[in-house]
Protein backbone atom coordinates (compact mmCIF):
# COMPACT_ATOMS: atom_id res chain seq x y z
CA MET A 1 9.96 7.96 -8.38
CA SER A 2 13.13 6.86 -6.71
CA ASN A 3 13.66 6.77 -2.94
CA TYR A 4 10.22 5.16 -2.44
CA TYR A 5 9.18 1.73 -1.31
CA GLY A 6 6.63 -0.18 -3.23
CA VAL A 7 4.06 -1.26 -0.55
CA GLN A 8 1.77 -4.21 -1.49
CA VAL A 9 -1.52 -3.83 0.40
CA VAL A 10 -4.45 -6.21 0.63
CA PHE A 11 -8.00 -5.52 1.84
CA ASN A 12 -10.43 -7.77 3.72
CA GLU A 13 -13.54 -7.96 1.56
CA ARG A 14 -16.37 -9.85 3.20
CA GLY A 15 -14.05 -12.30 4.95
CA TYR A 16 -11.61 -12.81 2.02
CA TRP A 17 -8.34 -11.01 1.32
CA SER A 18 -8.14 -9.12 -1.97
CA LYS A 19 -5.39 -9.28 -4.50
CA PRO A 20 -2.43 -6.98 -3.54
CA TYR A 21 -2.39 -3.38 -4.71
CA THR A 22 0.79 -1.27 -4.91
CA TYR A 23 1.10 1.98 -2.96
CA LEU A 24 4.18 4.13 -2.33
CA HIS A 25 5.76 5.22 0.99
CA GLU A 26 9.04 6.96 1.91
CA GLU A 27 9.88 4.34 4.56
CA SER A 28 9.83 0.55 4.79
CA ILE A 29 6.66 -0.81 6.40
CA PRO A 30 6.74 -4.24 8.12
CA LYS A 31 4.54 -7.10 6.85
CA ASP A 32 1.11 -7.32 8.58
CA THR A 33 1.10 -3.61 9.52
CA PRO A 34 -2.29 -1.94 9.06
CA VAL A 35 -2.26 1.09 6.78
CA ILE A 36 -4.80 3.68 5.62
CA VAL A 37 -4.75 4.32 1.89
CA GLU A 38 -6.82 6.18 -0.64
CA THR A 39 -9.12 3.95 -2.74
CA GLN A 40 -11.08 5.65 -5.43
CA ASN A 41 -13.04 8.43 -3.69
CA PHE A 42 -12.49 7.42 -0.04
CA TYR A 43 -10.01 5.87 2.37
CA SER A 44 -9.71 2.18 3.27
CA VAL A 45 -7.81 0.15 5.89
CA GLY A 46 -5.54 -2.53 4.47
CA LYS A 47 -2.72 -4.77 5.59
CA VAL A 48 0.87 -4.79 4.22
CA VAL A 49 1.94 -8.05 2.59
CA SER A 50 5.29 -6.89 1.23
CA CYS A 51 7.54 -3.87 0.86
CA ILE A 52 10.15 -3.37 -1.87
CA LYS A 53 12.87 -0.68 -2.05
CA ASP A 54 12.89 1.16 -5.45
CA PRO A 55 10.29 -1.01 -7.13
CA LYS A 56 10.01 -1.24 -10.93
CA LEU A 57 6.84 0.86 -11.51
CA ASP A 58 4.66 1.03 -14.64
CA PRO A 59 4.95 4.65 -15.95
CA LYS A 60 1.36 4.47 -17.19
CA ILE A 61 -0.03 4.01 -13.62
CA LYS A 62 -0.43 6.92 -11.17
CA TYR A 63 0.47 5.26 -7.84
CA LYS A 64 -1.07 6.57 -4.62
CA ILE A 65 0.82 7.27 -1.38
CA VAL A 66 0.18 5.41 1.91
CA LYS A 67 -1.63 8.01 4.02
CA ARG A 68 -1.13 6.55 7.46
CA VAL A 69 0.81 3.66 8.99
CA GLY A 70 -0.78 1.88 11.94
CA LEU A 71 -4.08 2.58 13.56
CA ASP A 72 -2.98 4.29 16.76
């Protein structure tokens, strides 16, 4: 999946930030930007902690796409 950015997203779970999860997006997203992503059977709001151009992805994992950038 070339031409994608690997976006590391964390979620606030009961006052603590989760470990980062990798999502894909066609554009770079700045750190600390809120994003909406699919998590299991629903959507969640997370925060970007890093963004990497053409990340090395595990072919065994089906990565999900960032659905929305920002909360406006």
